[in-house]
Protein backbone atom coordinates (compact mmCIF):
# COMPACT_ATOMS: atom_id res chain seq x y z
CA MET A 1 20.48 -12.94 -2.21
CA ARG A 2 19.54 -10.56 0.60
CA GLY A 3 17.34 -11.97 3.35
CA GLY A 4 14.07 -10.23 2.51
CA ILE A 5 14.39 -11.06 -1.18
CA ARG A 6 15.10 -14.70 -0.41
CA PHE A 7 11.94 -15.00 1.71
CA VAL A 8 9.80 -13.46 -1.04
CA ASP A 9 11.32 -15.48 -3.88
CA GLU A 10 11.26 -18.88 -2.17
CA ASN A 11 7.73 -18.42 -0.91
CA LEU A 12 6.47 -17.41 -4.35
CA ARG A 13 7.96 -20.49 -5.99
CA ALA A 14 6.33 -22.73 -3.38
CA ALA A 15 2.98 -20.96 -3.76
CA MET A 16 2.90 -21.13 -7.55
CA ARG A 17 3.16 -24.93 -7.38
CA PHE A 18 -0.55 -24.75 -6.55
CA PHE A 19 -1.42 -24.12 -10.19
CA GLY A 20 0.48 -27.19 -11.36
CA GLU A 21 -1.01 -29.41 -8.69
CA ALA A 22 -4.61 -28.14 -8.61
CA SER A 23 -5.94 -29.73 -11.80
CA ALA A 24 -5.72 -33.38 -12.77
CA SER A 25 -3.67 -32.59 -15.88
CA GLY A 26 -1.01 -30.17 -14.61
CA GLU A 27 2.56 -30.71 -13.47
CA VAL A 28 5.49 -29.04 -11.74
CA GLN A 29 8.90 -29.69 -13.18
CA SER A 30 12.37 -28.65 -12.06
CA ALA A 31 14.51 -27.74 -15.07
CA GLU A 32 17.40 -25.84 -13.49
CA PRO A 33 17.75 -22.93 -13.42
CA VAL A 34 13.95 -22.66 -13.70
CA GLN A 35 10.86 -24.14 -12.14
CA LEU A 36 8.18 -24.90 -14.72
CA ILE A 37 4.53 -24.96 -13.68
CA TYR A 38 1.95 -26.25 -16.15
CA SER A 39 -1.66 -25.85 -15.06
CA GLY A 40 -3.10 -28.20 -17.68
CA LEU A 41 -5.03 -25.24 -19.10
CA ASP A 42 -4.39 -22.83 -21.95
CA TYR A 43 -4.27 -19.85 -19.61
CA GLY A 44 -0.93 -18.06 -19.77
CA VAL A 45 -0.67 -16.58 -16.27
CA PHE A 46 -1.20 -20.05 -14.73
CA ASN A 47 1.55 -21.63 -16.87
CA ILE A 48 4.58 -20.20 -15.16
CA ALA A 49 8.36 -20.20 -15.41
CA LEU A 50 10.34 -18.99 -12.38
CA LEU A 51 14.08 -18.64 -11.94
CA THR A 52 15.61 -20.73 -9.16
CA ARG A 53 19.05 -19.09 -9.17
CA PRO A 54 20.77 -15.99 -10.55
CA VAL A 55 21.37 -15.63 -14.29
CA THR A 56 24.77 -14.19 -15.10
CA SER A 57 24.74 -13.44 -18.83
CA GLU A 58 22.53 -12.52 -21.77
CA ARG A 59 23.50 -15.77 -23.46
CA ASP A 60 22.25 -17.79 -20.49
CA LEU A 61 19.02 -15.79 -20.36
CA ASN A 62 18.36 -16.38 -24.06
CA GLU A 63 18.94 -20.10 -23.62
CA ILE A 64 16.66 -20.29 -20.57
CA ILE A 65 13.80 -18.52 -22.36
CA ALA A 66 14.21 -20.74 -25.43
CA ASN A 67 14.07 -23.90 -23.30
CA CYS A 68 10.94 -22.67 -21.51
CA GLY A 69 9.34 -21.86 -24.86
CA ARG A 70 9.97 -25.38 -26.14
CA TYR A 71 8.44 -26.89 -23.01
CA TYR A 72 5.20 -24.93 -23.34
CA ARG A 73 4.99 -25.23 -27.13
CA GLN A 74 4.98 -29.01 -26.70
CA ARG A 75 1.82 -28.53 -24.62
CA ASN A 76 0.39 -25.97 -27.07
CA VAL A 77 -0.36 -23.36 -24.41
CA ARG A 78 0.48 -19.75 -23.66
CA TRP A 79 2.81 -19.16 -20.75
CA SER A 80 4.36 -16.50 -18.56
CA PHE A 81 7.79 -15.85 -17.08
CA TRP A 82 7.82 -14.29 -13.60
CA VAL A 83 11.24 -12.70 -13.22
CA CYS A 84 12.64 -11.57 -9.88
CA ASP A 85 14.77 -8.61 -10.98
CA ASP A 86 17.41 -9.39 -8.36
CA LEU A 87 18.01 -12.81 -9.91
CA LEU A 88 19.31 -11.11 -13.05
CA GLU A 89 22.96 -10.16 -12.62
CA PRO A 90 23.90 -6.83 -14.28
CA PRO A 91 25.11 -8.40 -17.56
CA ALA A 92 21.83 -10.32 -17.90
CA ARG A 93 19.67 -7.43 -16.71
CA ARG A 94 21.06 -4.79 -19.06
CA ASN A 95 18.98 -5.75 -22.11
CA ASN A 96 16.60 -8.25 -20.60
CA ARG A 97 13.41 -6.57 -21.80
CA GLU A 98 14.61 -6.62 -25.38
CA ILE A 99 15.55 -10.28 -24.99
CA PHE A 100 12.08 -11.19 -23.76
CA THR A 101 10.45 -9.09 -26.49
CA GLU A 102 12.47 -10.78 -29.22
CA ALA A 103 11.41 -14.14 -27.77
CA GLY A 104 7.75 -13.16 -28.17
CA LEU A 105 6.92 -12.17 -24.58
CA ARG A 106 5.48 -8.84 -23.45
CA VAL A 107 5.40 -7.20 -20.04
CA ILE A 108 1.97 -7.43 -18.39
CA SER A 109 2.86 -6.27 -14.86
CA ARG A 110 5.56 -5.18 -12.47
CA ALA A 111 4.85 -6.26 -8.92
CA PRO A 112 6.84 -5.11 -5.90
CA GLY A 113 7.99 -8.03 -3.77
CA MET A 114 7.26 -6.92 -0.20
CA PHE A 115 8.38 -8.06 3.26
CA ALA A 116 7.11 -7.37 6.79
CA SER A 117 8.66 -8.74 9.96
CA ALA A 118 5.31 -8.01 11.64
CA LEU A 119 2.12 -6.20 10.76
CA TYR A 120 1.53 -2.80 12.30
CA PRO A 121 -1.55 -2.48 14.52
CA PRO A 122 -4.63 -1.25 12.65
CA SER A 123 -4.57 2.51 12.09
CA ARG A 124 -8.38 2.68 12.12
CA PRO A 125 -11.29 0.57 13.41
CA LEU A 126 -11.82 -2.33 11.02
CA PRO A 127 -15.21 -3.66 10.01
CA GLU A 128 -16.40 -7.02 11.26
CA ILE A 129 -15.80 -9.91 8.90
CA GLU A 130 -16.34 -13.64 9.35
CA CYS A 131 -13.28 -15.58 8.20
CA ARG A 132 -13.97 -19.13 6.96
CA PRO A 133 -11.34 -21.55 5.64
CA VAL A 134 -11.76 -23.14 2.24
CA ASN A 135 -12.55 -26.68 3.35
CA ASP A 136 -15.73 -27.83 1.61
CA ALA A 137 -17.65 -27.53 -1.66
CA ALA A 138 -19.46 -24.35 -0.60
CA SER A 139 -16.29 -22.51 0.40
CA ARG A 140 -14.49 -23.68 -2.74
CA SER A 141 -17.37 -22.36 -4.83
CA ALA A 142 -17.31 -19.03 -2.97
CA PHE A 143 -13.54 -18.71 -3.46
CA THR A 144 -13.99 -19.46 -7.16
CA GLY A 145 -16.73 -16.90 -7.66
CA LEU A 146 -14.83 -14.17 -5.83
CA THR A 147 -11.67 -14.94 -7.81
CA VAL A 148 -13.65 -14.30 -11.00
CA SER A 149 -15.10 -11.06 -9.60
CA CYS A 150 -11.89 -9.71 -8.07
CA PHE A 151 -9.31 -10.72 -10.68
CA ASP A 152 -11.25 -11.05 -13.94
CA ILE A 153 -10.29 -14.69 -14.43
CA PRO A 154 -12.52 -16.69 -16.82
CA ILE A 155 -15.07 -18.74 -14.91
CA GLY A 156 -14.10 -22.00 -16.63
CA VAL A 157 -10.45 -21.54 -15.68
CA ALA A 158 -11.31 -20.60 -12.11
CA ARG A 159 -13.55 -23.65 -11.69
CA ALA A 160 -10.91 -26.00 -13.10
CA ILE A 161 -8.36 -24.73 -10.58
CA TYR A 162 -10.20 -23.72 -7.41
CA GLU A 163 -13.20 -26.05 -7.21
CA ARG A 164 -11.27 -29.31 -7.07
CA GLU A 165 -11.13 -30.71 -3.53
CA SER A 166 -7.62 -32.09 -4.09
CA ALA A 167 -6.30 -28.64 -4.97
CA TRP A 168 -6.52 -27.58 -1.33
CA ASN A 169 -4.60 -30.50 0.18
CA GLY A 170 -1.19 -28.83 -0.06
CA ALA A 171 0.48 -25.73 1.34
CA TYR A 172 -1.92 -23.29 -0.36
CA ARG A 173 -4.71 -22.45 2.10
CA GLY A 174 -7.67 -20.29 1.17
CA PHE A 175 -10.00 -18.15 3.27
CA VAL A 176 -13.28 -16.43 2.44
CA GLY A 177 -14.56 -13.36 4.27
CA PHE A 178 -18.30 -13.05 4.86
CA VAL A 179 -20.33 -10.01 5.85
CA LYS A 180 -23.81 -10.89 7.13
CA GLY A 181 -23.61 -14.18 5.28
CA THR A 182 -22.44 -12.70 1.98
CA PRO A 183 -18.98 -13.65 0.66
CA VAL A 184 -17.10 -10.40 -0.05
CA ALA A 185 -13.35 -11.09 0.10
CA ILE A 186 -10.75 -13.83 -0.31
CA VAL A 187 -7.13 -14.45 0.57
CA ALA A 188 -4.74 -17.40 0.31
CA LEU A 189 -1.78 -18.06 2.61
CA VAL A 190 1.27 -20.25 2.05
CA ARG A 191 3.91 -21.12 4.63
CA ALA A 192 7.20 -21.78 2.85
CA GLY A 193 10.79 -20.56 2.74
CA GLY A 194 10.67 -19.34 6.35
CA ALA A 195 7.80 -16.93 5.74
CA LEU A 196 4.04 -16.71 5.46
CA GLY A 197 3.05 -15.64 1.95
CA VAL A 198 -0.08 -13.69 1.09
CA TYR A 199 -1.78 -14.36 -2.27
CA SER A 200 -5.06 -13.55 -4.04
CA LEU A 201 -6.18 -10.94 -1.53
CA GLY A 202 -9.22 -9.37 -3.14
CA THR A 203 -12.54 -7.74 -2.31
CA VAL A 204 -15.60 -7.44 -4.51
CA PRO A 205 -16.01 -3.90 -5.92
CA GLU A 206 -18.91 -2.77 -3.75
CA TYR A 207 -16.99 -3.57 -0.53
CA ARG A 208 -13.65 -2.03 -1.48
CA HIS A 209 -11.95 0.85 0.38
CA LYS A 210 -13.84 0.03 3.57
CA GLY A 211 -11.24 -2.08 5.39
CA TYR A 212 -12.62 -5.54 4.62
CA GLY A 213 -9.47 -6.73 2.83
CA GLU A 214 -7.25 -5.74 5.73
CA ALA A 215 -9.69 -7.25 8.22
CA LEU A 216 -9.69 -10.56 6.35
CA LEU A 217 -5.90 -10.61 6.01
CA ARG A 218 -5.46 -10.12 9.76
CA ALA A 219 -8.15 -12.64 10.67
CA ALA A 220 -6.92 -15.27 8.20
CA SER A 221 -3.26 -15.01 9.23
CA ALA A 222 -4.22 -15.28 12.91
CA SER A 223 -6.52 -18.23 12.20
CA TYR A 224 -3.86 -19.97 10.11
CA ARG A 225 -1.26 -19.63 12.84
CA ALA A 226 -3.65 -20.73 15.57
CA ALA A 227 -4.60 -23.82 13.55
CA SER A 228 -0.89 -24.57 13.11
CA GLY A 229 -0.27 -24.36 16.84
CA ASP A 230 1.73 -21.15 16.56
CA ASP A 231 -0.51 -18.99 18.67
CA SER A 232 -2.86 -19.92 21.49
CA ARG A 233 -4.68 -16.57 21.52
CA ASP A 234 -8.02 -15.72 19.98
CA PRO A 235 -7.55 -16.09 16.18
CA SER A 236 -10.01 -13.25 15.59
CA ASP A 237 -7.78 -10.80 17.49
CA PRO A 238 -6.42 -8.44 14.78
CA GLN A 239 -3.40 -7.58 16.93
CA THR A 240 -2.16 -11.16 17.28
CA ALA A 241 1.63 -10.98 17.05
CA GLU A 242 3.27 -12.70 14.08
CA GLN A 243 5.80 -15.44 14.68
CA GLU A 244 7.41 -15.28 11.25
CA PRO A 245 7.86 -12.70 8.48
CA ILE A 246 5.08 -12.11 5.98
CA VAL A 247 5.71 -11.65 2.26
CA LEU A 248 3.70 -10.85 -0.85
CA GLU A 249 3.79 -9.50 -4.39
CA SER A 250 1.70 -6.35 -4.50
CA THR A 251 -0.78 -5.23 -7.09
CA GLU A 252 -1.03 -1.53 -7.84
CA ALA A 253 -4.43 -1.43 -6.12
CA GLY A 254 -3.15 -2.99 -2.90
CA TYR A 255 0.18 -1.20 -2.59
CA ARG A 256 -0.91 1.66 -0.32
CA LEU A 257 -2.62 -0.76 2.07
CA TYR A 258 0.45 -2.97 2.32
CA ARG A 259 2.73 -0.04 3.00
CA ARG A 260 0.36 1.23 5.67
CA ILE A 261 0.31 -2.05 7.57
CA GLY A 262 4.07 -2.59 7.63
CA PHE A 263 5.31 -4.04 4.34
CA GLN A 264 8.46 -2.72 2.70
CA ASP A 265 9.64 -3.15 -0.89
CA VAL A 266 12.59 -5.55 -1.15
CA THR A 267 12.56 -6.49 -4.84
CA ASN A 268 10.46 -6.37 -8.02
CA PHE A 269 8.91 -9.06 -10.18
CA THR A 270 8.37 -8.42 -13.87
CA VAL A 271 5.77 -10.71 -15.42
CA TYR A 272 6.07 -11.47 -19.13
CA LEU A 273 3.33 -13.20 -21.14
CA THR A 274 3.56 -14.81 -24.56
CA ARG A 275 1.71 -12.93 -27.29
């Protein structure tokens, strides 16, 4: 696997463990060649299968999907398969959509996997934003509410995942951006696989297209690195140099921003959800 793809894929698998570890009833299970993440909830996009190595044939792909289906049927929940296209060798890739369709899964998104060795300096003045880590009940509640607003996740599901104190004891670190005391944006960062991964970057509708998302991303990544001892400079400095590559899976709404600040496409993830 090429370097940039490896960074993106390994970081994603580490980050998605969050959903299996956040609630009291979830689990993360290795079932080579997949990683199975069960959130403990009947919410398909948080019950995730991810490939851990390349698949070489249609027969193998059919068997993998069938095994994943049995695992989640035993738990009586919907589930999703997040497929890195570059982990499907040509024989397995040729008819993969038909294979997933026949297994009862439909495509819900295609997300570019993106890589940046460093962020470009801001191309415009960015608005002021106060970046606070998720480290207490108030910040967990703010992160939960903004997740509902930004990503249309049911409030009950969001509370079960994001409001538990124990959910934030692992690699997944959340940040909330405030403007004059009002929470307006969120982002989560995960250091894994030799890269810093960016997840759940979102801004409430009335503050979009004004630079707050970019401002929070820069402030949060600088703060995260400073707290980790990677950078002794002012964590609010938006031009703090990165010490490791940054990776993410882009939404359609965020793609232009990510390209503008230095990210390049290195792979694609197709997300399938059970009907």
